[in-house]
């Protein structure tokens, strides 16, 4: 059975735990990188991994390794401080790659 995980600050991820998602609290880039590597091992079956934007910004190279693979889908979510726009930019880029043009507008 495929699973869903969330990587981010404890305050961000704990709400997702109540929904049955696997939570990986991370306070810095190294913890986030380690969690992502652990979740994406070949033996793990994660379909979706949500990552808090602030942490994702610091481990962008690690996330980029998965941008062209269908699974896991890595989706950036805002943290407690609000959105910094990375999630929207990543979605726009993914749609543009899939469709061949920007259909979402600015």
N, C-alpha and C. Protein backbone atom coordinates (compact mmCIF):
# COMPACT_ATOMS: atom_id res chain seq x y z
N UNK A 1 0.83 -1.18 0.00
CA UNK A 1 0.00 0.00 0.00
C UNK A 1 0.88 1.25 0.00
N UNK A 2 0.56 2.20 -0.84
CA UNK A 2 1.33 3.43 -0.93
C UNK A 2 1.03 4.35 0.25
N UNK A 3 2.06 5.11 0.65
CA UNK A 3 1.94 5.97 1.82
C UNK A 3 2.18 7.43 1.44
N UNK A 4 1.82 8.31 2.36
CA UNK A 4 2.04 9.75 2.20
C UNK A 4 2.81 10.23 3.42
N UNK A 5 3.81 11.08 3.20
CA UNK A 5 4.62 11.60 4.30
C UNK A 5 4.71 13.12 4.23
N UNK A 6 5.05 13.71 5.37
CA UNK A 6 5.22 15.16 5.46
C UNK A 6 6.53 15.44 6.19
N UNK A 7 7.37 16.30 5.60
CA UNK A 7 8.63 16.73 6.21
C UNK A 7 8.52 18.21 6.50
N UNK A 8 8.80 18.60 7.74
CA UNK A 8 8.75 20.02 8.08
C UNK A 8 8.92 20.23 9.57
N UNK A 9 8.73 21.46 10.00
CA UNK A 9 8.83 21.80 11.41
C UNK A 9 7.77 21.02 12.18
N UNK A 10 8.06 20.70 13.43
CA UNK A 10 7.14 19.92 14.26
C UNK A 10 5.74 20.54 14.27
N UNK A 11 5.66 21.86 14.38
CA UNK A 11 4.35 22.53 14.42
C UNK A 11 3.58 22.34 13.11
N UNK A 12 4.29 22.21 12.02
CA UNK A 12 3.66 22.03 10.71
C UNK A 12 3.19 20.60 10.51
N UNK A 13 4.02 19.64 10.87
CA UNK A 13 3.71 18.24 10.53
C UNK A 13 2.75 17.56 11.49
N UNK A 14 2.64 18.00 12.71
CA UNK A 14 1.85 17.27 13.69
C UNK A 14 0.36 17.23 13.33
N UNK A 15 -0.16 18.25 12.70
CA UNK A 15 -1.56 18.22 12.26
C UNK A 15 -1.80 17.13 11.24
N UNK A 16 -0.81 16.84 10.43
CA UNK A 16 -0.94 15.80 9.41
C UNK A 16 -0.95 14.40 10.03
N UNK A 17 -0.33 14.27 11.19
CA UNK A 17 -0.29 12.98 11.86
C UNK A 17 -1.70 12.53 12.21
N UNK A 18 -2.55 13.47 12.61
CA UNK A 18 -3.94 13.14 12.95
C UNK A 18 -4.70 12.60 11.74
N UNK A 19 -4.23 12.95 10.54
CA UNK A 19 -4.87 12.47 9.32
C UNK A 19 -4.33 11.12 8.86
N UNK A 20 -3.34 10.59 9.59
CA UNK A 20 -2.79 9.28 9.27
C UNK A 20 -1.56 9.31 8.38
N UNK A 21 -1.01 10.50 8.13
CA UNK A 21 0.19 10.60 7.31
C UNK A 21 1.42 10.33 8.17
N UNK A 22 2.48 9.87 7.53
CA UNK A 22 3.75 9.66 8.21
C UNK A 22 4.40 11.03 8.36
N UNK A 23 4.80 11.38 9.56
CA UNK A 23 5.39 12.70 9.80
C UNK A 23 6.87 12.59 10.11
N UNK A 24 7.64 13.52 9.56
CA UNK A 24 9.08 13.57 9.76
C UNK A 24 9.45 14.99 10.18
N UNK A 25 9.44 15.26 11.49
CA UNK A 25 9.83 16.59 11.94
C UNK A 25 11.30 16.86 11.61
N UNK A 26 11.57 18.06 11.10
CA UNK A 26 12.94 18.44 10.75
C UNK A 26 13.13 19.91 11.12
N UNK A 27 14.22 20.19 11.80
CA UNK A 27 14.49 21.57 12.21
C UNK A 27 15.54 22.25 11.35
N UNK A 28 16.23 21.46 10.52
CA UNK A 28 17.27 22.05 9.67
C UNK A 28 17.37 21.27 8.36
N UNK A 29 18.21 21.77 7.47
CA UNK A 29 18.34 21.17 6.14
C UNK A 29 18.86 19.73 6.21
N UNK A 30 19.79 19.45 7.09
CA UNK A 30 20.35 18.09 7.17
C UNK A 30 19.30 17.09 7.62
N UNK A 31 18.49 17.45 8.60
CA UNK A 31 17.42 16.55 9.05
C UNK A 31 16.41 16.31 7.93
N UNK A 32 16.08 17.37 7.18
CA UNK A 32 15.14 17.25 6.07
C UNK A 32 15.72 16.36 4.97
N UNK A 33 17.00 16.55 4.66
CA UNK A 33 17.68 15.74 3.65
C UNK A 33 17.70 14.27 4.06
N UNK A 34 18.03 14.01 5.32
CA UNK A 34 18.06 12.63 5.83
C UNK A 34 16.67 11.99 5.76
N UNK A 35 15.64 12.75 6.11
CA UNK A 35 14.27 12.23 6.06
C UNK A 35 13.87 11.91 4.63
N UNK A 36 14.20 12.80 3.70
CA UNK A 36 13.86 12.58 2.29
C UNK A 36 14.57 11.33 1.77
N UNK A 37 15.83 11.18 2.10
CA UNK A 37 16.58 10.00 1.65
C UNK A 37 15.98 8.72 2.23
N UNK A 38 15.60 8.78 3.50
CA UNK A 38 15.01 7.61 4.15
C UNK A 38 13.67 7.25 3.50
N UNK A 39 12.86 8.26 3.19
CA UNK A 39 11.55 8.01 2.61
C UNK A 39 11.61 7.55 1.16
N UNK A 40 12.68 7.89 0.46
CA UNK A 40 12.76 7.56 -0.97
C UNK A 40 13.63 6.34 -1.26
N UNK A 41 14.03 5.63 -0.24
CA UNK A 41 14.75 4.38 -0.48
C UNK A 41 13.87 3.46 -1.30
N UNK A 42 14.48 2.62 -2.09
CA UNK A 42 13.73 1.72 -2.97
C UNK A 42 12.75 0.83 -2.23
N UNK A 43 13.04 0.51 -0.98
CA UNK A 43 12.15 -0.38 -0.23
C UNK A 43 10.92 0.35 0.32
N UNK A 44 10.91 1.66 0.25
CA UNK A 44 9.79 2.44 0.77
C UNK A 44 8.78 2.72 -0.34
N UNK A 45 7.51 2.73 0.00
CA UNK A 45 6.45 2.92 -0.98
C UNK A 45 5.67 4.21 -0.70
N UNK A 46 6.31 5.34 -0.91
CA UNK A 46 5.64 6.62 -0.71
C UNK A 46 5.21 7.18 -2.06
N UNK A 47 3.93 7.48 -2.19
CA UNK A 47 3.41 8.06 -3.42
C UNK A 47 3.57 9.57 -3.41
N UNK A 48 3.40 10.18 -2.22
CA UNK A 48 3.47 11.63 -2.10
C UNK A 48 4.31 11.98 -0.88
N UNK A 49 5.19 12.96 -1.04
CA UNK A 49 5.95 13.50 0.08
C UNK A 49 5.76 15.02 0.06
N UNK A 50 5.13 15.54 1.11
CA UNK A 50 4.97 16.98 1.26
C UNK A 50 6.18 17.50 2.02
N UNK A 51 6.75 18.62 1.55
CA UNK A 51 7.90 19.22 2.24
C UNK A 51 7.62 20.70 2.45
N UNK A 52 7.87 21.16 3.64
CA UNK A 52 7.69 22.57 3.96
C UNK A 52 8.64 23.41 3.09
N UNK A 53 8.10 24.49 2.53
CA UNK A 53 8.86 25.32 1.58
C UNK A 53 10.21 25.80 2.12
N UNK A 54 10.25 26.24 3.35
CA UNK A 54 11.49 26.75 3.91
C UNK A 54 12.61 25.72 3.91
N UNK A 55 12.27 24.49 4.23
CA UNK A 55 13.26 23.41 4.21
C UNK A 55 13.58 23.00 2.78
N UNK A 56 12.55 22.95 1.94
CA UNK A 56 12.74 22.56 0.54
C UNK A 56 13.72 23.49 -0.17
N UNK A 57 13.65 24.76 0.18
CA UNK A 57 14.54 25.75 -0.43
C UNK A 57 16.00 25.40 -0.14
N UNK A 58 16.26 24.82 1.02
CA UNK A 58 17.63 24.50 1.42
C UNK A 58 18.11 23.13 0.94
N UNK A 59 17.19 22.29 0.45
CA UNK A 59 17.60 20.98 -0.07
C UNK A 59 17.12 20.80 -1.51
N UNK A 60 17.11 21.89 -2.24
CA UNK A 60 16.60 21.91 -3.61
C UNK A 60 17.29 20.88 -4.52
N UNK A 61 18.60 20.73 -4.39
CA UNK A 61 19.33 19.78 -5.24
C UNK A 61 18.85 18.36 -5.00
N UNK A 62 18.56 18.03 -3.76
CA UNK A 62 18.08 16.69 -3.41
C UNK A 62 16.67 16.46 -3.98
N UNK A 63 15.84 17.46 -3.91
CA UNK A 63 14.46 17.37 -4.43
C UNK A 63 14.46 17.27 -5.95
N UNK A 64 15.36 18.00 -6.60
CA UNK A 64 15.43 18.01 -8.07
C UNK A 64 15.67 16.62 -8.65
N UNK A 65 16.25 15.72 -7.89
CA UNK A 65 16.50 14.36 -8.37
C UNK A 65 15.20 13.63 -8.69
N UNK A 66 14.08 14.10 -8.12
CA UNK A 66 12.81 13.41 -8.28
C UNK A 66 11.83 14.15 -9.17
N UNK A 67 12.23 15.28 -9.75
CA UNK A 67 11.27 16.10 -10.49
C UNK A 67 10.75 15.43 -11.75
N UNK A 68 11.48 14.51 -12.34
CA UNK A 68 11.02 13.84 -13.55
C UNK A 68 10.52 12.42 -13.31
N UNK A 69 10.51 11.98 -12.07
CA UNK A 69 10.01 10.64 -11.79
C UNK A 69 8.57 10.73 -11.28
N UNK A 70 7.76 9.78 -11.70
CA UNK A 70 6.34 9.83 -11.33
C UNK A 70 6.07 9.58 -9.84
N UNK A 71 6.97 8.89 -9.19
CA UNK A 71 6.75 8.59 -7.78
C UNK A 71 8.08 8.62 -7.05
N UNK A 72 8.17 9.24 -5.94
CA UNK A 72 7.11 9.96 -5.25
C UNK A 72 6.91 11.35 -5.83
N UNK A 73 5.69 11.83 -5.73
CA UNK A 73 5.41 13.22 -6.08
C UNK A 73 5.81 14.05 -4.88
N UNK A 74 6.69 15.01 -5.09
CA UNK A 74 7.13 15.87 -4.01
C UNK A 74 6.43 17.21 -4.16
N UNK A 75 5.65 17.55 -3.15
CA UNK A 75 4.82 18.75 -3.18
C UNK A 75 5.24 19.67 -2.05
N UNK A 76 5.49 20.92 -2.40
CA UNK A 76 5.92 21.90 -1.40
C UNK A 76 4.71 22.56 -0.77
N UNK A 77 4.75 22.68 0.55
CA UNK A 77 3.66 23.29 1.29
C UNK A 77 4.19 24.45 2.14
N UNK A 78 3.36 25.45 2.42
CA UNK A 78 3.81 26.55 3.25
C UNK A 78 3.99 26.11 4.70
N UNK A 79 4.87 26.80 5.39
CA UNK A 79 5.08 26.54 6.82
C UNK A 79 4.22 27.48 7.64
N UNK A 80 4.47 27.54 8.91
CA UNK A 80 3.71 28.41 9.82
C UNK A 80 3.80 29.88 9.45
N UNK A 81 4.93 30.26 8.88
CA UNK A 81 5.16 31.67 8.54
C UNK A 81 4.40 32.08 7.28
N UNK A 82 3.82 31.14 6.58
CA UNK A 82 3.11 31.43 5.34
C UNK A 82 3.94 31.01 4.14
N UNK A 83 3.37 31.20 2.98
CA UNK A 83 4.01 30.77 1.74
C UNK A 83 5.13 31.73 1.33
N UNK A 84 6.20 31.16 0.78
CA UNK A 84 7.26 31.98 0.20
C UNK A 84 7.24 31.85 -1.33
N UNK A 85 6.21 31.20 -1.86
CA UNK A 85 6.01 31.12 -3.30
C UNK A 85 6.67 29.96 -4.01
N UNK A 86 7.44 29.15 -3.31
CA UNK A 86 8.13 28.03 -3.96
C UNK A 86 7.18 26.96 -4.46
N UNK A 87 6.14 26.67 -3.69
CA UNK A 87 5.18 25.65 -4.10
C UNK A 87 4.48 26.02 -5.39
N UNK A 88 4.07 27.27 -5.49
CA UNK A 88 3.39 27.74 -6.69
C UNK A 88 4.35 27.74 -7.89
N UNK A 89 5.58 28.14 -7.67
CA UNK A 89 6.58 28.12 -8.75
C UNK A 89 6.85 26.70 -9.23
N UNK A 90 6.94 25.76 -8.29
CA UNK A 90 7.19 24.37 -8.66
C UNK A 90 6.02 23.79 -9.44
N UNK A 91 4.81 24.12 -9.03
CA UNK A 91 3.63 23.65 -9.75
C UNK A 91 3.59 24.22 -11.16
N UNK A 92 3.89 25.50 -11.29
CA UNK A 92 3.90 26.15 -12.60
C UNK A 92 4.93 25.49 -13.51
N UNK A 93 6.12 25.21 -12.98
CA UNK A 93 7.17 24.57 -13.78
C UNK A 93 6.78 23.16 -14.20
N UNK A 94 6.14 22.41 -13.30
CA UNK A 94 5.72 21.05 -13.62
C UNK A 94 4.66 21.04 -14.72
N UNK A 95 3.71 21.96 -14.62
CA UNK A 95 2.67 22.04 -15.65
C UNK A 95 3.27 22.45 -16.99
N UNK A 96 4.19 23.39 -16.96
CA UNK A 96 4.84 23.84 -18.19
C UNK A 96 5.62 22.70 -18.85
N UNK A 97 6.31 21.87 -18.04
CA UNK A 97 7.03 20.71 -18.58
C UNK A 97 6.07 19.72 -19.20
N UNK A 98 4.95 19.49 -18.53
CA UNK A 98 3.99 18.49 -19.00
C UNK A 98 3.24 18.95 -20.25
N UNK A 99 2.85 20.21 -20.29
CA UNK A 99 2.01 20.72 -21.37
C UNK A 99 2.83 21.36 -22.49
N UNK A 100 3.98 21.89 -22.13
CA UNK A 100 4.83 22.54 -23.12
C UNK A 100 4.69 24.04 -23.17
N UNK A 101 3.78 24.59 -22.39
CA UNK A 101 3.59 26.04 -22.33
C UNK A 101 2.97 26.41 -20.99
N UNK A 102 3.07 27.67 -20.64
CA UNK A 102 2.52 28.16 -19.38
C UNK A 102 1.02 28.40 -19.55
N UNK A 103 0.21 27.51 -19.01
CA UNK A 103 -1.24 27.68 -19.11
C UNK A 103 -1.84 28.26 -17.83
N UNK A 104 -1.02 28.45 -16.81
CA UNK A 104 -1.51 28.96 -15.52
C UNK A 104 -1.47 30.48 -15.43
N UNK A 105 -0.76 31.13 -16.33
CA UNK A 105 -0.63 32.58 -16.27
C UNK A 105 0.34 33.01 -15.20
N UNK A 106 0.41 34.30 -14.95
CA UNK A 106 1.36 34.82 -13.95
C UNK A 106 0.76 34.96 -12.61
